[in-house]
Amino acid sequence: MRVPSRRSLAWPAVSGVLFTCIVAGTHAHAAAAERSHLGGPSEAKRLTSPTELSQSIRAEGQLGPGKGTLYVGLEPPPGAKLTEGSPVVIEASGQGLKFPAKLKTRMQPGTPVAIPVEVDESSPGKAKLALSYYWCHSGDSGQCVREHADLTVTLDLSGDAPGGEAYFRYRATTK
């Protein structure tokens, strides 16, 4: 097994598998890693299974029919930090729920990511989200990790007024 150097990446050959980025700890390095396409089989595929990162979460708040907003509060694991300006990518779908095809934004620690959603009255209230963002180890280690999670989010769609807001937090689970 090849061990990544401080400047190398392990990139998944299959979408939805975590890759590890060991860099100097700045969002510029994280952005460069996000743009890299090394291709080919990856050690990361053997190390991380997508099902290990699948979770079910219940959002707080209420959405009614029409246009609303789902807010996602992203958090690092304990002892780590989020890097302002690093890339955040969220893909969402759900029966009777209309989301942007792919939401790409930049990390603003302490500020939730807003995802526009249009709710149809026939929706059962389950959204599938694939999210990825970077967190970095605190201190001088200089290691940043791309967190990827596949989530099933239960939404309260009992609101009778159009629109509304729902919110949930996701804390990185990668060690």
C-alpha atoms as a PDB file:
ATOM      1  CA  MET A   1       0.000   0.000   0.000  1.00  0.00           C
ATOM      2  CA  ARG A   2       1.339   3.424  -0.977  1.00  0.00           C
ATOM      3  CA  VAL A   3       1.434   5.906   1.911  1.00  0.00           C
ATOM      4  CA  PRO A   4       0.489   9.468   0.867  1.00  0.00           C
ATOM      5  CA  SER A   5       3.206  12.074   1.264  1.00  0.00           C
ATOM      6  CA  ARG A   6       2.424  15.475   2.783  1.00  0.00           C
ATOM      7  CA  ARG A   7       1.566  16.762  -0.696  1.00  0.00           C
ATOM      8  CA  SER A   8      -0.248  13.793  -2.205  1.00  0.00           C
ATOM      9  CA  LEU A   9      -3.910  12.952  -2.427  1.00  0.00           C
ATOM     10  CA  ALA A  10      -5.903   9.756  -2.350  1.00  0.00           C
ATOM     11  CA  TRP A  11      -8.802  10.415  -4.746  1.00  0.00           C
ATOM     12  CA  PRO A  12     -11.776   8.039  -5.052  1.00  0.00           C
ATOM     13  CA  ALA A  13     -12.387   6.293  -8.343  1.00  0.00           C
ATOM     14  CA  VAL A  14     -16.058   6.099  -7.369  1.00  0.00           C
ATOM     15  CA  SER A  15     -18.196   9.104  -6.432  1.00  0.00           C
ATOM     16  CA  GLY A  16     -19.319   9.202  -2.810  1.00  0.00           C
ATOM     17  CA  VAL A  17     -16.130   7.783  -1.277  1.00  0.00           C
ATOM     18  CA  LEU A  18     -14.075   9.920   1.054  1.00  0.00           C
ATOM     19  CA  PHE A  19     -10.655  11.071  -0.072  1.00  0.00           C
ATOM     20  CA  THR A  20      -7.953  12.242   2.274  1.00  0.00           C
ATOM     21  CA  CYS A  21      -5.954  15.375   1.704  1.00  0.00           C
ATOM     22  CA  ILE A  22      -2.806  15.950   3.740  1.00  0.00           C
ATOM     23  CA  VAL A  23      -1.781  19.546   3.122  1.00  0.00           C
ATOM     24  CA  ALA A  24      -0.386  22.604   4.849  1.00  0.00           C
ATOM     25  CA  GLY A  25      -3.768  23.602   6.279  1.00  0.00           C
ATOM     26  CA  THR A  26      -4.914  26.564   4.170  1.00  0.00           C
ATOM     27  CA  HIS A  27      -8.093  26.837   2.158  1.00  0.00           C
ATOM     28  CA  ALA A  28      -5.969  27.427  -0.961  1.00  0.00           C
ATOM     29  CA  HIS A  29      -4.554  23.924  -0.581  1.00  0.00           C
ATOM     30  CA  ALA A  30      -8.030  22.514   0.018  1.00  0.00           C
ATOM     31  CA  ALA A  31      -9.336  24.283  -3.090  1.00  0.00           C
ATOM     32  CA  ALA A  32      -6.424  22.934  -5.150  1.00  0.00           C
ATOM     33  CA  ALA A  33      -7.164  19.438  -3.868  1.00  0.00           C
ATOM     34  CA  GLU A  34     -10.827  19.878  -4.825  1.00  0.00           C
ATOM     35  CA  ARG A  35      -9.798  20.745  -8.405  1.00  0.00           C
ATOM     36  CA  SER A  36      -7.339  17.841  -8.744  1.00  0.00           C
ATOM     37  CA  HIS A  37      -8.399  14.839 -10.782  1.00  0.00           C
ATOM     38  CA  LEU A  38      -5.819  12.106 -10.351  1.00  0.00           C
ATOM     39  CA  GLY A  39      -8.066   9.280 -11.603  1.00  0.00           C
ATOM     40  CA  GLY A  40      -7.416   5.570 -11.300  1.00  0.00           C
ATOM     41  CA  PRO A  41      -8.005   3.186  -8.389  1.00  0.00           C
ATOM     42  CA  SER A  42      -7.544   4.602  -4.930  1.00  0.00           C
ATOM     43  CA  GLU A  43      -6.432   3.413  -1.529  1.00  0.00           C
ATOM     44  CA  ALA A  44      -9.220   5.580  -0.081  1.00  0.00           C
ATOM     45  CA  LYS A  45     -11.788   3.275  -1.709  1.00  0.00           C
ATOM     46  CA  ARG A  46     -10.433   0.379   0.365  1.00  0.00           C
ATOM     47  CA  LEU A  47     -10.276   2.442   3.553  1.00  0.00           C
ATOM     48  CA  THR A  48     -13.726   4.017   3.624  1.00  0.00           C
ATOM     49  CA  SER A  49     -17.105   2.565   2.747  1.00  0.00           C
ATOM     50  CA  PRO A  50     -19.910   4.999   1.789  1.00  0.00           C
ATOM     51  CA  THR A  51     -22.311   3.143   4.095  1.00  0.00           C
ATOM     52  CA  GLU A  52     -20.081   3.955   7.067  1.00  0.00           C
ATOM     53  CA  LEU A  53     -20.875   7.626   6.503  1.00  0.00           C
ATOM     54  CA  SER A  54     -24.639   7.304   5.869  1.00  0.00           C
ATOM     55  CA  GLN A  55     -26.832   8.830   8.563  1.00  0.00           C
ATOM     56  CA  SER A  56     -30.444   9.737   9.206  1.00  0.00           C
ATOM     57  CA  ILE A  57     -31.138  13.176  10.676  1.00  0.00           C
ATOM     58  CA  ARG A  58     -34.346  15.013  11.576  1.00  0.00           C
ATOM     59  CA  ALA A  59     -34.424  18.709  10.686  1.00  0.00           C
ATOM     60  CA  GLU A  60     -35.921  21.242  13.090  1.00  0.00           C
ATOM     61  CA  GLY A  61     -38.463  23.733  11.771  1.00  0.00           C
ATOM     62  CA  GLN A  62     -41.301  23.425   9.320  1.00  0.00           C
ATOM     63  CA  LEU A  63     -41.708  23.679   5.564  1.00  0.00           C
ATOM     64  CA  GLY A  64     -44.959  24.209   3.703  1.00  0.00           C
ATOM     65  CA  PRO A  65     -45.764  23.889   0.014  1.00  0.00           C
ATOM     66  CA  GLY A  66     -43.782  26.185  -2.282  1.00  0.00           C
ATOM     67  CA  LYS A  67     -40.320  27.711  -1.932  1.00  0.00           C
ATOM     68  CA  GLY A  68     -38.504  27.367   1.385  1.00  0.00           C
ATOM     69  CA  THR A  69     -34.981  27.013   2.732  1.00  0.00           C
ATOM     70  CA  LEU A  70     -33.121  24.124   4.352  1.00  0.00           C
ATOM     71  CA  TYR A  71     -30.179  25.333   6.466  1.00  0.00           C
ATOM     72  CA  VAL A  72     -27.225  23.055   7.211  1.00  0.00           C
ATOM     73  CA  GLY A  73     -24.855  23.904  10.071  1.00  0.00           C
ATOM     74  CA  LEU A  74     -21.505  22.248   9.313  1.00  0.00           C
ATOM     75  CA  GLU A  75     -19.142  21.479  12.188  1.00  0.00           C
ATOM     76  CA  PRO A  76     -15.668  19.955  12.505  1.00  0.00           C
ATOM     77  CA  PRO A  77     -14.982  17.030  14.838  1.00  0.00           C
ATOM     78  CA  PRO A  78     -13.884  17.913  18.389  1.00  0.00           C
ATOM     79  CA  GLY A  79     -10.401  19.450  18.455  1.00  0.00           C
ATOM     80  CA  ALA A  80     -10.506  20.531  14.791  1.00  0.00           C
ATOM     81  CA  LYS A  81     -11.521  23.691  12.952  1.00  0.00           C
ATOM     82  CA  LEU A  82     -13.256  24.793   9.774  1.00  0.00           C
ATOM     83  CA  THR A  83     -11.279  26.907   7.322  1.00  0.00           C
ATOM     84  CA  GLU A  84     -12.971  30.037   6.018  1.00  0.00           C
ATOM     85  CA  GLY A  85     -13.208  30.037   2.238  1.00  0.00           C
ATOM     86  CA  SER A  86     -12.713  26.292   1.742  1.00  0.00           C
ATOM     87  CA  PRO A  87     -15.090  24.581  -0.743  1.00  0.00           C
ATOM     88  CA  VAL A  88     -18.484  23.182   0.291  1.00  0.00           C
ATOM     89  CA  VAL A  89     -20.511  21.046  -2.144  1.00  0.00           C
ATOM     90  CA  ILE A  90     -24.048  19.789  -1.474  1.00  0.00           C
ATOM     91  CA  GLU A  91     -26.227  17.666  -3.754  1.00  0.00           C
ATOM     92  CA  ALA A  92     -29.823  17.085  -2.656  1.00  0.00           C
ATOM     93  CA  SER A  93     -32.857  15.235  -3.969  1.00  0.00           C
ATOM     94  CA  GLY A  94     -36.156  13.871  -2.760  1.00  0.00           C
ATOM     95  CA  GLN A  95     -39.575  12.845  -3.994  1.00  0.00           C
ATOM     96  CA  GLY A  96     -41.688  15.984  -4.320  1.00  0.00           C
ATOM     97  CA  LEU A  97     -38.692  18.171  -3.360  1.00  0.00           C
ATOM     98  CA  LYS A  98     -36.895  20.359  -5.892  1.00  0.00           C
ATOM     99  CA  PHE A  99     -33.322  21.407  -5.034  1.00  0.00           C
ATOM    100  CA  PRO A 100     -30.541  23.056  -7.072  1.00  0.00           C
ATOM    101  CA  ALA A 101     -28.678  20.387  -9.087  1.00  0.00           C
ATOM    102  CA  LYS A 102     -25.427  20.978  -7.187  1.00  0.00           C
ATOM    103  CA  LEU A 103     -24.824  23.723  -4.652  1.00  0.00           C
ATOM    104  CA  LYS A 104     -21.219  24.953  -4.537  1.00  0.00           C
ATOM    105  CA  THR A 105     -20.269  27.567  -1.995  1.00  0.00           C
ATOM    106  CA  ARG A 106     -17.427  28.577   0.324  1.00  0.00           C
ATOM    107  CA  MET A 107     -17.153  27.813   4.038  1.00  0.00           C
ATOM    108  CA  GLN A 108     -18.102  30.591   6.424  1.00  0.00           C
ATOM    109  CA  PRO A 109     -17.559  29.085   9.898  1.00  0.00           C
ATOM    110  CA  GLY A 110     -20.508  29.738  12.187  1.00  0.00           C
ATOM    111  CA  THR A 111     -22.879  30.484   9.289  1.00  0.00           C
ATOM    112  CA  PRO A 112     -25.175  27.695   8.067  1.00  0.00           C
ATOM    113  CA  VAL A 113     -25.329  26.852   4.360  1.00  0.00           C
ATOM    114  CA  ALA A 114     -28.720  27.806   2.876  1.00  0.00           C
ATOM    115  CA  ILE A 115     -30.207  25.324   0.393  1.00  0.00           C
ATOM    116  CA  PRO A 116     -33.262  26.523  -1.548  1.00  0.00           C
ATOM    117  CA  VAL A 117     -35.983  23.883  -1.736  1.00  0.00           C
ATOM    118  CA  GLU A 118     -39.346  23.823  -3.456  1.00  0.00           C
ATOM    119  CA  VAL A 119     -41.846  21.542  -1.729  1.00  0.00           C
ATOM    120  CA  ASP A 120     -44.692  19.800  -3.535  1.00  0.00           C
ATOM    121  CA  GLU A 121     -47.738  18.887  -1.427  1.00  0.00           C
ATOM    122  CA  SER A 122     -47.263  15.209  -2.351  1.00  0.00           C
ATOM    123  CA  SER A 123     -43.757  14.955  -0.844  1.00  0.00           C
ATOM    124  CA  PRO A 124     -43.245  12.349   1.916  1.00  0.00           C
ATOM    125  CA  GLY A 125     -40.646  14.653   3.518  1.00  0.00           C
ATOM    126  CA  LYS A 126     -37.427  12.662   3.038  1.00  0.00           C
ATOM    127  CA  ALA A 127     -34.439  14.373   1.434  1.00  0.00           C
ATOM    128  CA  LYS A 128     -31.194  12.686   0.393  1.00  0.00           C
ATOM    129  CA  LEU A 129     -28.133  14.901   0.763  1.00  0.00           C
ATOM    130  CA  ALA A 130     -24.549  14.243  -0.265  1.00  0.00           C
ATOM    131  CA  LEU A 131     -22.339  16.851   1.319  1.00  0.00           C
ATOM    132  CA  SER A 132     -18.624  17.470   1.368  1.00  0.00           C
ATOM    133  CA  TYR A 133     -16.505  20.084   3.080  1.00  0.00           C
ATOM    134  CA  TYR A 134     -13.069  20.464   4.618  1.00  0.00           C
ATOM    135  CA  TRP A 135     -11.959  20.574   8.219  1.00  0.00           C
ATOM    136  CA  CYS A 136      -8.416  20.860   9.526  1.00  0.00           C
ATOM    137  CA  HIS A 137      -6.672  19.551  12.609  1.00  0.00           C
ATOM    138  CA  SER A 138      -6.001  22.326  15.115  1.00  0.00           C
ATOM    139  CA  GLY A 139      -2.445  23.194  15.999  1.00  0.00           C
ATOM    140  CA  ASP A 140       0.684  22.722  13.945  1.00  0.00           C
ATOM    141  CA  SER A 141      -0.157  19.373  12.323  1.00  0.00           C
ATOM    142  CA  GLY A 142      -1.294  21.078   9.117  1.00  0.00           C
ATOM    143  CA  GLN A 143      -3.580  18.213   8.096  1.00  0.00           C
ATOM    144  CA  CYS A 144      -6.869  18.960   6.336  1.00  0.00           C
ATOM    145  CA  VAL A 145      -9.499  16.343   5.571  1.00  0.00           C
ATOM    146  CA  ARG A 146     -12.390  16.373   3.114  1.00  0.00           C
ATOM    147  CA  GLU A 147     -15.485  15.207   4.962  1.00  0.00           C
ATOM    148  CA  HIS A 148     -18.112  13.441   2.846  1.00  0.00           C
ATOM    149  CA  ALA A 149     -21.445  12.188   4.139  1.00  0.00           C
ATOM    150  CA  ASP A 150     -24.598  10.770   2.603  1.00  0.00           C
ATOM    151  CA  LEU A 151     -27.557  11.843   4.721  1.00  0.00           C
ATOM    152  CA  THR A 152     -31.257  11.101   4.813  1.00  0.00           C
ATOM    153  CA  VAL A 153     -32.966  14.157   6.272  1.00  0.00           C
ATOM    154  CA  THR A 154     -36.538  13.952   7.570  1.00  0.00           C
ATOM    155  CA  LEU A 155     -38.404  17.221   7.039  1.00  0.00           C
ATOM    156  CA  ASP A 156     -41.574  18.397   8.782  1.00  0.00           C
ATOM    157  CA  LEU A 157     -43.857  19.355   5.887  1.00  0.00           C
ATOM    158  CA  SER A 158     -46.973  19.978   7.976  1.00  0.00           C
ATOM    159  CA  GLY A 159     -46.870  23.736   7.437  1.00  0.00           C
ATOM    160  CA  ASP A 160     -49.923  25.053   5.617  1.00  0.00           C
ATOM    161  CA  ALA A 161     -48.358  28.424   4.791  1.00  0.00           C
ATOM    162  CA  PRO A 162     -46.122  28.535   1.724  1.00  0.00           C
ATOM    163  CA  GLY A 163     -42.360  28.306   2.230  1.00  0.00           C
ATOM    164  CA  GLY A 164     -40.782  28.045   5.640  1.00  0.00           C
ATOM    165  CA  GLU A 165     -37.407  27.049   7.022  1.00  0.00           C
ATOM    166  CA  ALA A 166     -35.819  23.899   8.405  1.00  0.00           C
ATOM    167  CA  TYR A 167     -32.394  23.440  10.017  1.00  0.00           C
ATOM    168  CA  PHE A 168     -30.040  20.665  11.047  1.00  0.00           C
ATOM    169  CA  ARG A 169     -26.413  20.363  12.124  1.00  0.00           C
ATOM    170  CA  TYR A 170     -23.882  17.906  10.824  1.00  0.00           C
ATOM    171  CA  ARG A 171     -20.653  17.265  12.713  1.00  0.00           C
ATOM    172  CA  ALA A 172     -17.771  15.626  10.857  1.00  0.00           C
ATOM    173  CA  THR A 173     -17.283  11.997  11.847  1.00  0.00           C
ATOM    174  CA  THR A 174     -13.854  11.437  10.294  1.00  0.00           C
ATOM    175  CA  LYS A 175     -11.046  10.978  12.808  1.00  0.00           C
END
